[in-house]
Amino acid sequence: MAAKSGLDRLPMALTGIFGALGAISGTAYYISLRVSPPSRRTYLDSYTFTPWELEVPYEKVEFRSSDGLRLVGWWLPRPETNAVIVCSHGHNGRKDELLGIGSYCWRAGYNVLLFDYRGRGESDAWPKTLVSREVDDLLAALQYVRQRMPDAAIGVIGYSMGAAVGILATARDQSVRALVADSSFTTGDDVVADAVEKVLRVPLRPLVHLADTIVAWRHGYRFSQARPIDVIGQIAHVRSS
């Protein structure tokens, strides 16, 4: 049997190339969905533990983001003080997940604001982003506090993505006087790359860059631009930990 010529092998080579490109593109798209998944509501978004179960008085509040989305929260009042703690939850979190620290801060004598970022809990539906839109939401929460209590002494507590959001928002809002940032990431692309490499067990930085491009195309932002490490030096005016 005659050996196949290079021309005969070309279709097989092209098939392999297109197959590899398809696999790479599909994986990158999957990564983009994990970073910015669509908002899916369940009954748990409205029926969760509330401050009432912890015997803490509260008021359900609403305020608007800079682009007009309705953000929903709980205000735990301490009329005797102007000190306010704003809590910032993680990427897939909700306000009820911060009831532990929120009720502790209230019992310690602080007003407390717990709220849902866009696309989570009771706030308006929106594709979850990695820090980008959430910074705007936290800035809106800080503005709500100042409108409600003009002389407020404001502190922020954030966890994981919420910690990164807290750093970025504090660098832009001089009204924050104290910040606790627990387990923040340094940059968006680093945290995504680390998560991908732990699952697939190979270094896939090019995939992460492609996923970043897909996220920019789908949602108009790049998670690689979320870089708390670049602004940490700008919050020297606050007490931080």
C-alpha atoms as a PDB file:
ATOM      1  CA  MET A   1       0.000   0.000   0.000  1.00  0.00           C
ATOM      2  CA  ALA A   2       1.397   3.371  -0.979  1.00  0.00           C
ATOM      3  CA  ALA A   3       2.284   5.740   1.826  1.00  0.00           C
ATOM      4  CA  LYS A   4       0.019   8.724   2.240  1.00  0.00           C
ATOM      5  CA  SER A   5       1.371  11.943   0.828  1.00  0.00           C
ATOM      6  CA  GLY A   6       1.648  15.135   2.830  1.00  0.00           C
ATOM      7  CA  LEU A   7      -1.378  16.447   0.965  1.00  0.00           C
ATOM      8  CA  ASP A   8      -3.411  13.393   1.981  1.00  0.00           C
ATOM      9  CA  ARG A   9      -2.502  13.933   5.627  1.00  0.00           C
ATOM     10  CA  LEU A  10      -3.510  17.617   5.562  1.00  0.00           C
ATOM     11  CA  PRO A  11      -7.232  17.047   6.300  1.00  0.00           C
ATOM     12  CA  MET A  12      -6.311  14.936   9.339  1.00  0.00           C
ATOM     13  CA  ALA A  13      -3.927  17.616  10.569  1.00  0.00           C
ATOM     14  CA  LEU A  14      -6.552  20.330  10.085  1.00  0.00           C
ATOM     15  CA  THR A  15      -9.110  18.212  11.919  1.00  0.00           C
ATOM     16  CA  GLY A  16      -6.716  17.897  14.845  1.00  0.00           C
ATOM     17  CA  ILE A  17      -5.964  21.613  14.850  1.00  0.00           C
ATOM     18  CA  PHE A  18      -9.625  22.631  14.736  1.00  0.00           C
ATOM     19  CA  GLY A  19     -10.456  20.062  17.388  1.00  0.00           C
ATOM     20  CA  ALA A  20      -7.781  21.453  19.703  1.00  0.00           C
ATOM     21  CA  LEU A  21      -8.926  25.019  19.061  1.00  0.00           C
ATOM     22  CA  GLY A  22     -12.505  24.000  19.780  1.00  0.00           C
ATOM     23  CA  ALA A  23     -11.486  22.355  23.048  1.00  0.00           C
ATOM     24  CA  ILE A  24      -9.475  25.404  24.095  1.00  0.00           C
ATOM     25  CA  SER A  25     -12.289  27.809  23.199  1.00  0.00           C
ATOM     26  CA  GLY A  26     -14.884  25.663  24.958  1.00  0.00           C
ATOM     27  CA  THR A  27     -12.803  25.450  28.111  1.00  0.00           C
ATOM     28  CA  ALA A  28     -12.179  29.198  28.086  1.00  0.00           C
ATOM     29  CA  TYR A  29     -15.913  29.836  27.672  1.00  0.00           C
ATOM     30  CA  TYR A  30     -16.632  27.521  30.616  1.00  0.00           C
ATOM     31  CA  ILE A  31     -14.130  29.466  32.722  1.00  0.00           C
ATOM     32  CA  SER A  32     -15.856  32.722  31.738  1.00  0.00           C
ATOM     33  CA  LEU A  33     -19.196  31.273  32.883  1.00  0.00           C
ATOM     34  CA  ARG A  34     -17.717  30.354  36.259  1.00  0.00           C
ATOM     35  CA  VAL A  35     -16.321  33.868  36.658  1.00  0.00           C
ATOM     36  CA  SER A  36     -19.512  35.648  35.525  1.00  0.00           C
ATOM     37  CA  PRO A  37     -22.413  33.182  35.756  1.00  0.00           C
ATOM     38  CA  PRO A  38     -25.942  34.307  34.932  1.00  0.00           C
ATOM     39  CA  SER A  39     -28.164  35.241  37.843  1.00  0.00           C
ATOM     40  CA  ARG A  40     -30.517  32.394  38.794  1.00  0.00           C
ATOM     41  CA  ARG A  41     -33.090  32.999  41.492  1.00  0.00           C
ATOM     42  CA  THR A  42     -34.432  30.381  43.906  1.00  0.00           C
ATOM     43  CA  TYR A  43     -36.855  30.585  46.812  1.00  0.00           C
ATOM     44  CA  LEU A  44     -33.818  30.696  49.123  1.00  0.00           C
ATOM     45  CA  ASP A  45     -33.029  34.189  47.860  1.00  0.00           C
ATOM     46  CA  SER A  46     -36.044  35.513  49.772  1.00  0.00           C
ATOM     47  CA  TYR A  47     -36.580  32.833  52.422  1.00  0.00           C
ATOM     48  CA  THR A  48     -33.417  32.632  54.496  1.00  0.00           C
ATOM     49  CA  PHE A  49     -32.343  33.247  58.044  1.00  0.00           C
ATOM     50  CA  THR A  50     -32.821  36.894  58.943  1.00  0.00           C
ATOM     51  CA  PRO A  51     -31.697  38.985  61.923  1.00  0.00           C
ATOM     52  CA  TRP A  52     -35.063  38.160  63.512  1.00  0.00           C
ATOM     53  CA  GLU A  53     -33.991  34.557  64.176  1.00  0.00           C
ATOM     54  CA  LEU A  54     -30.962  35.936  66.027  1.00  0.00           C
ATOM     55  CA  GLU A  55     -33.126  38.322  68.073  1.00  0.00           C
ATOM     56  CA  VAL A  56     -31.585  41.358  66.412  1.00  0.00           C
ATOM     57  CA  PRO A  57     -33.843  44.254  65.360  1.00  0.00           C
ATOM     58  CA  TYR A  58     -33.567  45.156  61.693  1.00  0.00           C
ATOM     59  CA  GLU A  59     -35.066  47.156  58.875  1.00  0.00           C
ATOM     60  CA  LYS A  60     -35.193  45.975  55.283  1.00  0.00           C
ATOM     61  CA  VAL A  61     -33.686  48.694  53.113  1.00  0.00           C
ATOM     62  CA  GLU A  62     -33.216  49.351  49.407  1.00  0.00           C
ATOM     63  CA  PHE A  63     -30.926  51.659  47.491  1.00  0.00           C
ATOM     64  CA  ARG A  64     -29.802  52.051  43.888  1.00  0.00           C
ATOM     65  CA  SER A  65     -26.506  51.361  42.190  1.00  0.00           C
ATOM     66  CA  SER A  66     -24.992  54.010  39.945  1.00  0.00           C
ATOM     67  CA  ASP A  67     -26.511  52.237  36.922  1.00  0.00           C
ATOM     68  CA  GLY A  68     -29.967  52.033  38.496  1.00  0.00           C
ATOM     69  CA  LEU A  69     -30.140  48.486  39.877  1.00  0.00           C
ATOM     70  CA  ARG A  70     -32.081  47.886  43.083  1.00  0.00           C
ATOM     71  CA  LEU A  71     -29.844  46.616  45.891  1.00  0.00           C
ATOM     72  CA  VAL A  72     -31.496  45.100  48.960  1.00  0.00           C
ATOM     73  CA  GLY A  73     -30.109  44.997  52.465  1.00  0.00           C
ATOM     74  CA  TRP A  74     -30.764  44.850  56.203  1.00  0.00           C
ATOM     75  CA  TRP A  75     -30.040  47.733  58.531  1.00  0.00           C
ATOM     76  CA  LEU A  76     -29.322  46.681  62.130  1.00  0.00           C
ATOM     77  CA  PRO A  77     -29.847  49.861  64.167  1.00  0.00           C
ATOM     78  CA  ARG A  78     -27.916  51.321  67.089  1.00  0.00           C
ATOM     79  CA  PRO A  79     -29.449  54.803  67.460  1.00  0.00           C
ATOM     80  CA  GLU A  80     -27.072  55.702  70.275  1.00  0.00           C
ATOM     81  CA  THR A  81     -23.992  55.758  68.011  1.00  0.00           C
ATOM     82  CA  ASN A  82     -22.869  57.048  64.609  1.00  0.00           C
ATOM     83  CA  ALA A  83     -20.487  54.093  64.074  1.00  0.00           C
ATOM     84  CA  VAL A  84     -21.517  51.892  61.127  1.00  0.00           C
ATOM     85  CA  ILE A  85     -20.105  48.602  59.847  1.00  0.00           C
ATOM     86  CA  VAL A  86     -20.839  47.691  56.208  1.00  0.00           C
ATOM     87  CA  CYS A  87     -20.358  43.987  55.415  1.00  0.00           C
ATOM     88  CA  SER A  88     -19.176  42.784  51.990  1.00  0.00           C
ATOM     89  CA  HIS A  89     -19.869  39.147  51.035  1.00  0.00           C
ATOM     90  CA  GLY A  90     -18.041  36.856  48.609  1.00  0.00           C
ATOM     91  CA  HIS A  91     -18.505  36.039  44.920  1.00  0.00           C
ATOM     92  CA  ASN A  92     -21.315  33.507  45.382  1.00  0.00           C
ATOM     93  CA  GLY A  93     -22.496  34.824  48.733  1.00  0.00           C
ATOM     94  CA  ARG A  94     -25.541  36.675  50.056  1.00  0.00           C
ATOM     95  CA  LYS A  95     -26.234  39.017  52.925  1.00  0.00           C
ATOM     96  CA  ASP A  96     -27.600  36.253  55.183  1.00  0.00           C
ATOM     97  CA  GLU A  97     -24.195  34.525  55.096  1.00  0.00           C
ATOM     98  CA  LEU A  98     -22.777  37.479  57.037  1.00  0.00           C
ATOM     99  CA  LEU A  99     -25.376  37.341  59.807  1.00  0.00           C
ATOM    100  CA  GLY A 100     -22.819  35.862  62.196  1.00  0.00           C
ATOM    101  CA  ILE A 101     -20.319  38.704  61.988  1.00  0.00           C
ATOM    102  CA  GLY A 102     -23.117  41.226  61.438  1.00  0.00           C
ATOM    103  CA  SER A 103     -25.006  40.290  64.608  1.00  0.00           C
ATOM    104  CA  TYR A 104     -21.710  40.202  66.541  1.00  0.00           C
ATOM    105  CA  CYS A 105     -20.892  43.753  65.425  1.00  0.00           C
ATOM    106  CA  TRP A 106     -24.408  44.878  66.357  1.00  0.00           C
ATOM    107  CA  ARG A 107     -24.112  43.366  69.816  1.00  0.00           C
ATOM    108  CA  ALA A 108     -20.747  45.128  70.150  1.00  0.00           C
ATOM    109  CA  GLY A 109     -22.562  48.446  69.711  1.00  0.00           C
ATOM    110  CA  TYR A 110     -22.382  49.243  65.971  1.00  0.00           C
ATOM    111  CA  ASN A 111     -25.002  50.022  63.380  1.00  0.00           C
ATOM    112  CA  VAL A 112     -24.641  47.362  60.675  1.00  0.00           C
ATOM    113  CA  LEU A 113     -25.551  47.238  56.987  1.00  0.00           C
ATOM    114  CA  LEU A 114     -25.739  43.834  55.300  1.00  0.00           C
ATOM    115  CA  PHE A 115     -26.683  43.847  51.616  1.00  0.00           C
ATOM    116  CA  ASP A 116     -26.772  41.671  48.513  1.00  0.00           C
ATOM    117  CA  TYR A 117     -24.522  42.509  45.592  1.00  0.00           C
ATOM    118  CA  ARG A 118     -26.235  42.601  42.191  1.00  0.00           C
ATOM    119  CA  GLY A 119     -27.305  39.215  40.899  1.00  0.00           C
ATOM    120  CA  ARG A 120     -27.347  37.733  44.400  1.00  0.00           C
ATOM    121  CA  GLY A 121     -30.018  37.304  47.036  1.00  0.00           C
ATOM    122  CA  GLU A 122     -32.869  39.804  46.772  1.00  0.00           C
ATOM    123  CA  SER A 123     -31.047  42.419  44.702  1.00  0.00           C
ATOM    124  CA  ASP A 124     -31.860  42.891  41.029  1.00  0.00           C
ATOM    125  CA  ALA A 125     -30.746  40.176  38.636  1.00  0.00           C
ATOM    126  CA  TRP A 126     -27.437  40.761  36.863  1.00  0.00           C
ATOM    127  CA  PRO A 127     -24.618  38.478  35.727  1.00  0.00           C
ATOM    128  CA  LYS A 128     -22.182  38.101  38.624  1.00  0.00           C
ATOM    129  CA  THR A 129     -18.902  39.826  37.943  1.00  0.00           C
ATOM    130  CA  LEU A 130     -15.568  39.411  39.658  1.00  0.00           C
ATOM    131  CA  VAL A 131     -15.222  42.690  41.555  1.00  0.00           C
ATOM    132  CA  SER A 132     -15.957  45.027  38.606  1.00  0.00           C
ATOM    133  CA  ARG A 133     -19.616  45.974  39.193  1.00  0.00           C
ATOM    134  CA  GLU A 134     -19.489  45.024  42.853  1.00  0.00           C
ATOM    135  CA  VAL A 135     -17.165  47.936  43.613  1.00  0.00           C
ATOM    136  CA  ASP A 136     -19.866  50.268  42.285  1.00  0.00           C
ATOM    137  CA  ASP A 137     -22.428  48.488  44.490  1.00  0.00           C
ATOM    138  CA  LEU A 138     -20.321  48.907  47.629  1.00  0.00           C
ATOM    139  CA  LEU A 139     -19.800  52.583  46.795  1.00  0.00           C
ATOM    140  CA  ALA A 140     -23.610  52.875  46.516  1.00  0.00           C
ATOM    141  CA  ALA A 141     -23.947  51.219  49.940  1.00  0.00           C
ATOM    142  CA  LEU A 142     -21.506  53.721  51.438  1.00  0.00           C
ATOM    143  CA  GLN A 143     -23.454  56.565  49.853  1.00  0.00           C
ATOM    144  CA  TYR A 144     -26.681  55.171  51.356  1.00  0.00           C
ATOM    145  CA  VAL A 145     -25.072  55.140  54.809  1.00  0.00           C
ATOM    146  CA  ARG A 146     -23.934  58.766  54.449  1.00  0.00           C
ATOM    147  CA  GLN A 147     -27.392  59.853  53.325  1.00  0.00           C
ATOM    148  CA  ARG A 148     -29.015  58.051  56.228  1.00  0.00           C
ATOM    149  CA  MET A 149     -26.437  59.203  58.782  1.00  0.00           C
ATOM    150  CA  PRO A 150     -24.405  62.199  57.531  1.00  0.00           C
ATOM    151  CA  ASP A 151     -21.946  62.061  60.427  1.00  0.00           C
ATOM    152  CA  ALA A 152     -21.398  58.292  60.173  1.00  0.00           C
ATOM    153  CA  ALA A 153     -18.022  56.830  61.111  1.00  0.00           C
ATOM    154  CA  ILE A 154     -17.893  53.978  58.587  1.00  0.00           C
ATOM    155  CA  GLY A 155     -15.979  50.717  58.666  1.00  0.00           C
ATOM    156  CA  VAL A 156     -16.045  47.895  56.095  1.00  0.00           C
ATOM    157  CA  ILE A 157     -15.636  44.161  56.666  1.00  0.00           C
ATOM    158  CA  GLY A 158     -15.150  41.972  53.581  1.00  0.00           C
ATOM    159  CA  TYR A 159     -14.397  38.332  52.900  1.00  0.00           C
ATOM    160  CA  SER A 160     -12.775  36.751  49.821  1.00  0.00           C
ATOM    161  CA  MET A 161     -14.047  38.676  46.783  1.00  0.00           C
ATOM    162  CA  GLY A 162     -15.808  40.990  49.242  1.00  0.00           C
ATOM    163  CA  ALA A 163     -12.425  41.789  50.769  1.00  0.00           C
ATOM    164  CA  ALA A 164     -11.014  42.704  47.351  1.00  0.00           C
ATOM    165  CA  VAL A 165     -14.085  44.863  46.723  1.00  0.00           C
ATOM    166  CA  GLY A 166     -13.538  46.521  50.104  1.00  0.00           C
ATOM    167  CA  ILE A 167      -9.938  47.424  49.253  1.00  0.00           C
ATOM    168  CA  LEU A 168     -10.854  48.849  45.843  1.00  0.00           C
ATOM    169  CA  ALA A 169     -13.845  50.810  47.161  1.00  0.00           C
ATOM    170  CA  THR A 170     -11.941  52.172  50.165  1.00  0.00           C
ATOM    171  CA  ALA A 171      -9.259  53.499  47.827  1.00  0.00           C
ATOM    172  CA  ARG A 172     -11.979  55.513  46.072  1.00  0.00           C
ATOM    173  CA  ASP A 173     -14.117  56.573  49.044  1.00  0.00           C
ATOM    174  CA  GLN A 174     -12.385  58.597  51.743  1.00  0.00           C
ATOM    175  CA  SER A 175     -15.349  58.217  54.112  1.00  0.00           C
ATOM    176  CA  VAL A 176     -14.223  54.706  55.104  1.00  0.00           C
ATOM    177  CA  ARG A 177     -12.266  54.961  58.345  1.00  0.00           C
ATOM    178  CA  ALA A 178     -11.563  51.272  59.050  1.00  0.00           C
ATOM    179  CA  LEU A 179     -11.236  48.190  56.871  1.00  0.00           C
ATOM    180  CA  VAL A 180     -11.024  44.468  57.598  1.00  0.00           C
ATOM    181  CA  ALA A 181     -10.119  42.577  54.406  1.00  0.00           C
ATOM    182  CA  ASP A 182     -10.156  38.832  55.080  1.00  0.00           C
ATOM    183  CA  SER A 183      -8.660  36.568  52.353  1.00  0.00           C
ATOM    184  CA  SER A 184      -8.605  39.064  49.501  1.00  0.00           C
ATOM    185  CA  PHE A 185      -6.904  38.076  46.260  1.00  0.00           C
ATOM    186  CA  THR A 186      -4.132  40.253  44.809  1.00  0.00           C
ATOM    187  CA  THR A 187      -5.283  40.289  41.160  1.00  0.00           C
ATOM    188  CA  GLY A 188      -8.279  38.884  39.290  1.00  0.00           C
ATOM    189  CA  ASP A 189      -6.290  36.919  36.743  1.00  0.00           C
ATOM    190  CA  ASP A 190      -4.131  35.354  39.479  1.00  0.00           C
ATOM    191  CA  VAL A 191      -7.129  34.036  41.410  1.00  0.00           C
ATOM    192  CA  VAL A 192      -8.798  32.665  38.254  1.00  0.00           C
ATOM    193  CA  ALA A 193      -5.547  31.057  37.064  1.00  0.00           C
ATOM    194  CA  ASP A 194      -5.001  29.453  40.462  1.00  0.00           C
ATOM    195  CA  ALA A 195      -8.518  27.997  40.479  1.00  0.00           C
ATOM    196  CA  VAL A 196      -8.154  26.641  36.926  1.00  0.00           C
ATOM    197  CA  GLU A 197      -4.758  25.089  37.576  1.00  0.00           C
ATOM    198  CA  LYS A 198      -6.027  23.363  40.730  1.00  0.00           C
ATOM    199  CA  VAL A 199      -8.859  21.728  38.765  1.00  0.00           C
ATOM    200  CA  LEU A 200      -7.017  20.875  35.532  1.00  0.00           C
ATOM    201  CA  ARG A 201      -3.606  20.437  37.198  1.00  0.00           C
ATOM    202  CA  VAL A 202      -1.690  22.096  34.382  1.00  0.00           C
ATOM    203  CA  PRO A 203      -0.560  25.727  33.928  1.00  0.00           C
ATOM    204  CA  LEU A 204      -3.139  27.305  31.649  1.00  0.00           C
ATOM    205  CA  ARG A 205      -2.449  31.048  31.681  1.00  0.00           C
ATOM    206  CA  PRO A 206      -3.288  31.369  27.955  1.00  0.00           C
ATOM    207  CA  LEU A 207      -6.735  29.893  28.690  1.00  0.00           C
ATOM    208  CA  VAL A 208      -7.262  32.451  31.423  1.00  0.00           C
ATOM    209  CA  HIS A 209      -6.370  35.297  29.059  1.00  0.00           C
ATOM    210  CA  LEU A 210      -8.830  33.928  26.493  1.00  0.00           C
ATOM    211  CA  ALA A 211     -11.528  33.629  29.164  1.00  0.00           C
ATOM    212  CA  ASP A 212     -10.818  37.246  30.153  1.00  0.00           C
ATOM    213  CA  THR A 213     -11.437  38.289  26.541  1.00  0.00           C
ATOM    214  CA  ILE A 214     -14.704  36.317  26.443  1.00  0.00           C
ATOM    215  CA  VAL A 215     -15.861  37.960  29.682  1.00  0.00           C
ATOM    216  CA  ALA A 216     -15.054  41.381  28.200  1.00  0.00           C
ATOM    217  CA  TRP A 217     -17.066  40.516  25.084  1.00  0.00           C
ATOM    218  CA  ARG A 218     -20.037  39.172  27.052  1.00  0.00           C
ATOM    219  CA  HIS A 219     -20.158  41.611  29.969  1.00  0.00           C
ATOM    220  CA  GLY A 220     -17.988  44.600  29.137  1.00  0.00           C
ATOM    221  CA  TYR A 221     -15.321  44.221  31.788  1.00  0.00           C
ATOM    222  CA  ARG A 222     -12.051  42.326  32.271  1.00  0.00           C
ATOM    223  CA  PHE A 223     -11.392  40.447  35.477  1.00  0.00           C
ATOM    224  CA  SER A 224      -7.677  41.004  34.866  1.00  0.00           C
ATOM    225  CA  GLN A 225      -8.298  44.688  35.626  1.00  0.00           C
ATOM    226  CA  ALA A 226      -9.376  43.835  39.188  1.00  0.00           C
ATOM    227  CA  ARG A 227      -6.075  44.485  40.974  1.00  0.00           C
ATOM    228  CA  PRO A 228      -6.411  45.291  44.686  1.00  0.00           C
ATOM    229  CA  ILE A 229      -2.637  45.001  44.988  1.00  0.00           C
ATOM    230  CA  ASP A 230      -2.250  48.183  42.914  1.00  0.00           C
ATOM    231  CA  VAL A 231      -4.327  50.352  45.262  1.00  0.00           C
ATOM    232  CA  ILE A 232      -3.510  48.931  48.688  1.00  0.00           C
ATOM    233  CA  GLY A 233      -1.046  51.772  49.216  1.00  0.00           C
ATOM    234  CA  GLN A 234      -3.833  54.309  48.725  1.00  0.00           C
ATOM    235  CA  ILE A 235      -5.713  53.299  51.878  1.00  0.00           C
ATOM    236  CA  ALA A 236      -3.077  54.302  54.395  1.00  0.00           C
ATOM    237  CA  HIS A 237      -5.609  56.812  55.737  1.00  0.00           C
ATOM    238  CA  VAL A 238      -7.726  53.994  57.215  1.00  0.00           C
ATOM    239  CA  ARG A 239      -7.108  51.591  60.054  1.00  0.00           C
ATOM    240  CA  SER A 240      -6.864  48.211  58.321  1.00  0.00           C
ATOM    241  CA  SER A 241      -6.278  44.580  59.109  1.00  0.00           C
END
